[in-house]
Amino acid sequence: MLLKIKSYLFFIFFLIVVGCVPTKQFEDLQQKNDTCQDDLEITKGENKNLIVENTELNSRLDIMGNRLKDLREDSLERETKLHSIDIKYDKLNRQYGDLQQAQDQLLSGNITETKKLLQELQNTQAGIIDKEDRLRNLEDNLRSEQGKLDKYKKELEEKNIRLTELEDILYKKDSVVNALKDKVSGALMGFEDMGLAVEMKNGKVYVSLDEQLLFKSGSTIVDPKGVSALKKLAGVLASNPDISIMVEGHTDDVPYISGNTIKDNWDLSVKRATAIVRILMENKQISGSRIVAAGRSKYQPVINSTAPDARRKNRRTEIILTPKLDELFQILESN
């Protein structure tokens, strides 16, 4: 293409030099020359692109050559390693053959010993299985005992809670009894020298009144000074409605001579108790459901003696004041 363009240019130059040509022809020639110039520029661009592509191809060719060289070197190295592995494999194969032969000799020469070892191994395994079974049984028993222990712990905790509740109730009851004793003692102050005593026993308040304060010998009619003491006591009992009241009549061991209204010491002790109950109930705030009248006759003496002074002390009336223990009984019944 480049040669063709050069030929056109030379031809045009020749025509210009040798002579004048018509304008028409010159213009044609000029147009061809321009066309050739354009083709020349295009050809130069294509030539430049071809040169770049050629350079890139040469660069790729160099890279591929280097890769080929590396692959050949790697192949040679792998071949060397493979040869080394083959040598090691042959050596190991020979060693394995030697070991196999030695094992065969050992097995053939020690069958009895092997059987013995196998038997011992079986015995050991049987022992291990037996121990495992016993261990499982122990674990089952331990779980069962642990369950029982947890149950007992829970019951113990519940009982401790109930015990705490009981202790609280007993403490409250003791506080109530002490307060009641103080109130009774304060209300009956001045009657101590007349045969009256107030004391606390077994969580109860005991008001003990000698016969000389309440009754004449053999009588069931309360003396005025005894009525006064009983009414003061009734005032305290009326302000404490949660207190139960028991009135107990006591006699000495001297047989009572039967009369028209009283037959014996039993009859006397009961009628004295009921006489005191009627005086207490004159206070309308005291309900009869709170009171129990009882006769003890001669069977609960303060002093076991026939001496006159002992018999005098045994002839008495005891008013026993007890706080209601409904809450305590509910807890005991729940157990």
Protein backbone atom coordinates (compact mmCIF):
# COMPACT_ATOMS: atom_id res chain seq x y z
CA MET A 1 0.00 0.00 0.00
CA LEU A 2 2.82 2.38 0.90
CA LEU A 3 4.59 1.56 -2.39
CA LYS A 4 1.46 2.33 -4.39
CA ILE A 5 1.13 5.76 -2.78
CA LYS A 6 4.73 6.61 -3.50
CA SER A 7 4.22 5.67 -7.18
CA TYR A 8 1.27 8.05 -7.48
CA LEU A 9 3.22 10.86 -5.95
CA PHE A 10 6.15 10.31 -8.28
CA PHE A 11 3.83 10.24 -11.26
CA ILE A 12 2.19 13.49 -10.29
CA PHE A 13 5.52 15.11 -9.70
CA PHE A 14 6.69 13.97 -13.11
CA LEU A 15 3.71 15.50 -14.86
CA ILE A 16 4.21 18.79 -13.12
CA VAL A 17 7.87 18.87 -14.04
CA VAL A 18 7.70 17.85 -17.70
CA GLY A 19 4.95 20.16 -18.68
CA CYS A 20 1.71 21.78 -18.16
CA VAL A 21 -1.42 19.63 -17.93
CA PRO A 22 -5.01 20.64 -18.29
CA THR A 23 -6.80 21.91 -15.20
CA LYS A 24 -9.27 19.04 -15.19
CA GLN A 25 -6.53 16.50 -15.10
CA PHE A 26 -4.68 18.41 -12.45
CA GLU A 27 -7.69 18.50 -10.24
CA ASP A 28 -8.15 14.78 -10.65
CA LEU A 29 -4.59 14.23 -9.81
CA GLN A 30 -4.88 16.53 -6.88
CA GLN A 31 -7.90 14.58 -5.61
CA LYS A 32 -6.06 11.29 -5.98
CA ASN A 33 -3.15 12.76 -4.14
CA ASP A 34 -5.42 13.80 -1.25
CA THR A 35 -6.94 10.34 -1.21
CA CYS A 36 -3.48 8.83 -1.13
CA GLN A 37 -2.55 11.11 1.75
CA ASP A 38 -5.60 9.96 3.72
CA ASP A 39 -4.80 6.33 3.00
CA LEU A 40 -1.26 7.04 4.09
CA GLU A 41 -2.41 8.41 7.44
CA ILE A 42 -4.73 5.46 7.97
CA THR A 43 -1.96 3.09 7.08
CA LYS A 44 0.38 4.80 9.52
CA GLY A 45 -2.21 4.42 12.31
CA GLU A 46 -2.73 0.76 11.48
CA ASN A 47 1.00 0.28 11.33
CA LYS A 48 1.36 1.89 14.77
CA ASN A 49 -1.36 -0.39 16.22
CA LEU A 50 0.34 -3.40 14.67
CA ILE A 51 3.62 -2.38 16.24
CA VAL A 52 1.92 -2.10 19.69
CA GLU A 53 0.21 -5.49 19.24
CA ASN A 54 3.49 -7.01 18.15
CA THR A 55 5.19 -5.60 21.24
CA GLU A 56 2.47 -7.03 23.49
CA LEU A 57 2.69 -10.40 21.79
CA ASN A 58 6.45 -10.45 22.25
CA SER A 59 5.95 -9.60 25.95
CA ARG A 60 3.41 -12.41 26.34
CA LEU A 61 5.76 -14.72 24.49
CA ASP A 62 8.51 -13.91 26.98
CA ILE A 63 6.13 -14.53 29.89
CA MET A 64 5.03 -17.88 28.44
CA GLY A 65 8.65 -18.78 27.90
CA ASN A 66 9.47 -18.05 31.51
CA ARG A 67 6.44 -20.09 32.66
CA LEU A 68 7.52 -22.96 30.46
CA LYS A 69 10.99 -22.77 31.97
CA ASP A 70 9.51 -22.79 35.50
CA LEU A 71 7.27 -25.74 34.62
CA ARG A 72 10.22 -27.69 33.30
CA GLU A 73 12.23 -26.96 36.44
CA ASP A 74 9.23 -27.92 38.63
CA SER A 75 8.70 -31.09 36.63
CA LEU A 76 12.34 -31.98 37.08
CA GLU A 77 12.08 -31.33 40.84
CA ARG A 78 8.92 -33.42 41.08
CA GLU A 79 10.57 -36.22 39.19
CA THR A 80 13.49 -36.10 41.63
CA LYS A 81 11.12 -36.19 44.62
CA LEU A 82 9.13 -39.03 43.08
CA HIS A 83 12.30 -41.01 42.62
CA SER A 84 13.18 -40.36 46.29
CA ILE A 85 9.69 -41.46 47.33
CA ASP A 86 10.01 -44.63 45.29
CA ILE A 87 13.27 -45.40 47.08
CA LYS A 88 11.66 -44.78 50.49
CA TYR A 89 8.63 -46.86 49.50
CA ASP A 90 10.84 -49.79 48.52
CA LYS A 91 12.66 -49.47 51.84
CA LEU A 92 9.41 -49.33 53.81
CA ASN A 93 8.01 -52.23 51.84
CA ARG A 94 11.04 -54.31 52.74
CA GLN A 95 10.74 -53.27 56.39
CA TYR A 96 7.06 -54.16 56.35
CA GLY A 97 7.89 -57.56 54.91
CA ASP A 98 10.46 -58.09 57.66
CA LEU A 99 7.96 -57.05 60.32
CA GLN A 100 5.26 -59.26 58.83
CA GLN A 101 7.65 -62.19 58.86
CA ALA A 102 8.66 -61.43 62.47
CA GLN A 103 5.01 -61.17 63.46
CA ASP A 104 4.18 -64.48 61.83
CA GLN A 105 7.06 -66.10 63.68
CA LEU A 106 5.97 -64.51 66.94
CA LEU A 107 2.37 -65.62 66.50
CA SER A 108 3.35 -69.14 65.53
CA GLY A 109 5.76 -69.43 68.44
CA ASN A 110 3.53 -67.83 71.13
CA ILE A 111 0.02 -69.18 70.52
CA THR A 112 -0.25 -70.46 74.10
CA GLU A 113 0.90 -67.15 75.54
CA THR A 114 -1.49 -65.29 73.27
CA LYS A 115 -4.41 -67.47 74.38
CA LYS A 116 -3.43 -66.87 77.98
CA LEU A 117 -3.32 -63.13 77.42
CA LEU A 118 -6.67 -63.23 75.64
CA GLN A 119 -8.19 -65.17 78.53
CA GLU A 120 -6.81 -62.66 81.02
CA LEU A 121 -8.16 -59.86 78.86
CA GLN A 122 -11.61 -61.49 78.79
CA ASN A 123 -11.52 -61.95 82.56
CA THR A 124 -10.49 -58.35 83.02
CA GLN A 125 -13.28 -57.17 80.73
CA ALA A 126 -15.78 -59.31 82.65
CA GLY A 127 -14.53 -57.79 85.89
CA ILE A 128 -14.84 -54.32 84.44
CA ILE A 129 -18.41 -55.03 83.28
CA ASP A 130 -19.28 -56.38 86.72
CA LYS A 131 -17.81 -53.29 88.38
CA GLU A 132 -19.67 -51.06 85.93
CA ASP A 133 -22.92 -52.84 86.80
CA ARG A 134 -22.26 -52.40 90.50
CA LEU A 135 -21.32 -48.76 89.90
CA ARG A 136 -24.60 -48.20 88.04
CA ASN A 137 -26.49 -49.82 90.91
CA LEU A 138 -24.65 -47.60 93.37
CA GLU A 139 -25.46 -44.56 91.24
CA ASP A 140 -29.14 -45.58 91.14
CA ASN A 141 -29.12 -46.06 94.91
CA LEU A 142 -27.34 -42.74 95.32
CA ARG A 143 -29.95 -40.99 93.20
CA SER A 144 -32.69 -42.66 95.22
CA GLU A 145 -31.04 -41.69 98.51
CA GLN A 146 -30.46 -38.19 97.19
CA GLY A 147 -34.17 -37.96 96.36
CA LYS A 148 -35.01 -39.11 99.88
CA LEU A 149 -32.50 -36.66 101.31
CA ASP A 150 -34.01 -33.82 99.32
CA LYS A 151 -37.45 -34.87 100.55
CA TYR A 152 -36.22 -35.00 104.15
CA LYS A 153 -34.55 -31.60 103.73
CA LYS A 154 -37.78 -30.15 102.42
CA GLU A 155 -39.75 -31.70 105.29
CA LEU A 156 -37.14 -30.44 107.76
CA GLU A 157 -37.40 -26.95 106.31
CA GLU A 158 -41.19 -27.09 106.57
CA LYS A 159 -40.90 -28.34 110.16
CA ASN A 160 -38.42 -25.58 110.95
CA ILE A 161 -40.91 -23.07 109.57
CA ARG A 162 -43.66 -24.61 111.71
CA LEU A 163 -41.29 -24.69 114.70
CA THR A 164 -40.55 -21.01 114.19
CA GLU A 165 -44.27 -20.33 114.01
CA LEU A 166 -44.79 -22.36 117.19
CA GLU A 167 -41.99 -20.50 118.94
CA ASP A 168 -43.52 -17.18 117.88
CA ILE A 169 -46.92 -18.28 119.14
CA LEU A 170 -45.47 -19.58 122.40
CA TYR A 171 -43.54 -16.36 122.83
CA LYS A 172 -46.70 -14.35 122.23
CA LYS A 173 -48.58 -16.64 124.61
CA ASP A 174 -45.92 -16.22 127.30
CA SER A 175 -46.05 -12.48 126.77
CA VAL A 176 -49.83 -12.54 127.12
CA VAL A 177 -49.61 -14.73 130.24
CA ASN A 178 -47.01 -12.48 131.85
CA ALA A 179 -49.08 -9.41 131.06
CA LEU A 180 -52.18 -11.15 132.42
CA LYS A 181 -50.35 -12.13 135.61
CA ASP A 182 -49.25 -8.54 136.11
CA LYS A 183 -52.81 -7.29 135.55
CA VAL A 184 -54.28 -9.86 137.95
CA SER A 185 -51.63 -9.16 140.58
CA GLY A 186 -52.28 -5.44 140.26
CA ALA A 187 -56.04 -5.87 140.52
CA LEU A 188 -55.82 -8.13 143.58
CA MET A 189 -53.15 -6.17 145.37
CA GLY A 190 -54.00 -6.03 149.07
CA PHE A 191 -55.48 -9.52 149.25
CA GLU A 192 -52.12 -11.35 149.51
CA ASP A 193 -52.21 -11.29 153.30
CA MET A 194 -55.69 -12.81 153.23
CA GLY A 195 -54.63 -16.06 151.61
CA LEU A 196 -54.47 -15.09 147.90
CA ALA A 197 -51.52 -15.89 145.64
CA VAL A 198 -50.92 -15.28 141.95
CA GLU A 199 -48.27 -17.26 140.07
CA MET A 200 -47.47 -18.49 136.56
CA LYS A 201 -46.98 -22.23 135.90
CA ASN A 202 -46.85 -24.19 132.65
CA GLY A 203 -47.85 -21.17 130.60
CA LYS A 204 -50.92 -20.46 132.74
CA VAL A 205 -51.79 -18.00 135.49
CA TYR A 206 -52.90 -19.62 138.77
CA VAL A 207 -54.95 -17.55 141.21
CA SER A 208 -55.06 -19.53 144.43
CA LEU A 209 -57.54 -18.47 147.16
CA ASP A 210 -57.43 -20.04 150.61
CA GLU A 211 -60.63 -21.21 152.27
CA GLN A 212 -60.32 -18.45 154.89
CA LEU A 213 -60.71 -15.78 152.15
CA LEU A 214 -63.76 -17.36 150.50
CA PHE A 215 -65.72 -19.74 152.71
CA LYS A 216 -66.45 -20.63 156.27
CA SER A 217 -65.75 -24.25 157.18
CA GLY A 218 -68.09 -26.60 155.28
CA SER A 219 -69.91 -23.71 153.60
CA THR A 220 -70.47 -22.97 149.91
CA ILE A 221 -71.40 -19.30 150.46
CA VAL A 222 -68.61 -16.85 149.53
CA ASP A 223 -67.64 -14.31 152.20
CA PRO A 224 -67.91 -10.59 151.34
CA LYS A 225 -64.15 -10.08 151.27
CA GLY A 226 -63.92 -13.02 148.82
CA VAL A 227 -66.69 -11.53 146.67
CA SER A 228 -64.74 -8.26 146.51
CA ALA A 229 -61.60 -10.05 145.35
CA LEU A 230 -63.54 -12.08 142.76
CA LYS A 231 -65.23 -8.99 141.30
CA LYS A 232 -61.89 -7.27 140.85
CA LEU A 233 -60.60 -10.39 139.16
CA ALA A 234 -63.72 -10.45 136.95
CA GLY A 235 -62.93 -6.92 135.79
CA VAL A 236 -59.53 -8.09 134.52
CA LEU A 237 -61.03 -11.18 132.87
CA ALA A 238 -63.73 -9.12 131.16
CA SER A 239 -61.07 -6.98 129.46
CA ASN A 240 -59.24 -10.12 128.24
CA PRO A 241 -61.85 -12.13 126.30
CA ASP A 242 -59.28 -14.54 124.82
CA ILE A 243 -58.53 -16.06 128.23
CA SER A 244 -60.17 -19.36 129.20
CA ILE A 245 -61.16 -19.76 132.86
CA MET A 246 -61.22 -22.92 134.95
CA VAL A 247 -62.39 -22.81 138.57
CA GLU A 248 -61.22 -25.80 140.65
CA GLY A 249 -62.46 -26.52 144.17
CA HIS A 250 -60.12 -28.45 146.51
CA THR A 251 -60.74 -29.95 149.97
CA ASP A 252 -58.55 -31.63 152.58
CA ASP A 253 -58.60 -35.34 153.35
CA VAL A 254 -61.00 -35.09 156.29
CA PRO A 255 -64.28 -36.85 155.30
CA TYR A 256 -67.23 -34.48 155.04
CA ILE A 257 -70.18 -35.36 157.20
CA SER A 258 -73.11 -35.78 154.87
CA GLY A 259 -75.91 -33.31 155.32
CA ASN A 260 -79.08 -32.26 153.56
CA THR A 261 -77.36 -30.41 150.65
CA ILE A 262 -73.76 -31.66 150.59
CA LYS A 263 -72.96 -35.35 150.51
CA ASP A 264 -69.12 -35.53 150.53
CA ASN A 265 -65.88 -33.73 149.65
CA TRP A 266 -66.57 -34.19 145.93
CA ASP A 267 -69.89 -32.45 146.27
CA LEU A 268 -68.38 -29.69 148.43
CA SER A 269 -65.50 -28.95 146.00
CA VAL A 270 -67.84 -28.79 142.99
CA LYS A 271 -70.40 -26.54 144.67
CA ARG A 272 -67.72 -24.14 145.87
CA ALA A 273 -66.38 -23.93 142.30
CA THR A 274 -69.85 -23.24 140.88
CA ALA A 275 -70.47 -20.59 143.54
CA ILE A 276 -67.35 -18.72 142.42
CA VAL A 277 -68.36 -19.12 138.76
CA ARG A 278 -71.70 -17.43 139.45
CA ILE A 279 -69.95 -14.43 141.06
CA LEU A 280 -67.57 -14.08 138.10
CA MET A 281 -70.47 -14.25 135.66
CA GLU A 282 -72.20 -11.35 137.37
CA ASN A 283 -69.89 -9.37 135.10
CA LYS A 284 -71.95 -9.48 131.88
CA GLN A 285 -68.85 -9.21 129.71
CA ILE A 286 -67.73 -12.69 130.79
CA SER A 287 -69.35 -15.43 128.69
CA GLY A 288 -70.22 -18.74 130.29
CA SER A 289 -68.57 -20.52 127.35
CA ARG A 290 -65.20 -19.37 128.69
CA ILE A 291 -65.63 -20.93 132.14
CA VAL A 292 -65.28 -24.50 133.40
CA ALA A 293 -66.19 -25.44 136.99
CA ALA A 294 -64.47 -28.51 138.41
CA GLY A 295 -64.29 -30.27 141.78
CA ARG A 296 -61.04 -32.01 142.71
CA SER A 297 -62.07 -33.15 146.20
CA LYS A 298 -58.98 -34.21 148.21
CA TYR A 299 -57.02 -35.73 145.34
CA GLN A 300 -54.71 -32.86 144.41
CA PRO A 301 -53.30 -31.60 147.70
CA VAL A 302 -50.65 -28.87 147.81
CA ILE A 303 -48.95 -30.69 150.72
CA ASN A 304 -49.27 -34.42 151.39
CA SER A 305 -49.60 -34.22 155.15
CA THR A 306 -52.23 -34.61 157.87
CA ALA A 307 -50.88 -31.66 159.83
CA PRO A 308 -53.48 -28.94 160.53
CA ASP A 309 -51.50 -26.26 158.67
CA ALA A 310 -51.10 -28.53 155.59
CA ARG A 311 -54.80 -29.36 155.61
CA ARG A 312 -55.61 -25.64 155.79
CA LYS A 313 -53.49 -24.93 152.67
CA ASN A 314 -55.07 -27.84 150.79
CA ARG A 315 -58.55 -26.37 151.39
CA ARG A 316 -58.42 -23.86 148.57
CA THR A 317 -59.96 -22.72 145.28
CA GLU A 318 -57.77 -22.27 142.22
CA ILE A 319 -58.78 -20.13 139.27
CA ILE A 320 -56.64 -21.18 136.28
CA LEU A 321 -56.38 -18.67 133.45
CA THR A 322 -55.24 -20.01 130.05
CA PRO A 323 -54.74 -18.06 126.80
CA LYS A 324 -56.53 -19.54 123.81
CA LEU A 325 -54.21 -21.75 121.77
CA ASP A 326 -56.34 -22.19 118.65
CA GLU A 327 -53.53 -20.98 116.38
CA LEU A 328 -51.08 -23.35 118.08
CA PHE A 329 -53.46 -26.30 117.78
CA GLN A 330 -54.01 -25.57 114.07
CA ILE A 331 -50.26 -25.78 113.44
CA LEU A 332 -49.98 -28.99 115.49
CA GLU A 333 -52.89 -30.57 113.60
CA SER A 334 -51.29 -29.63 110.26
CA ASN A 335 -48.26 -31.71 111.26
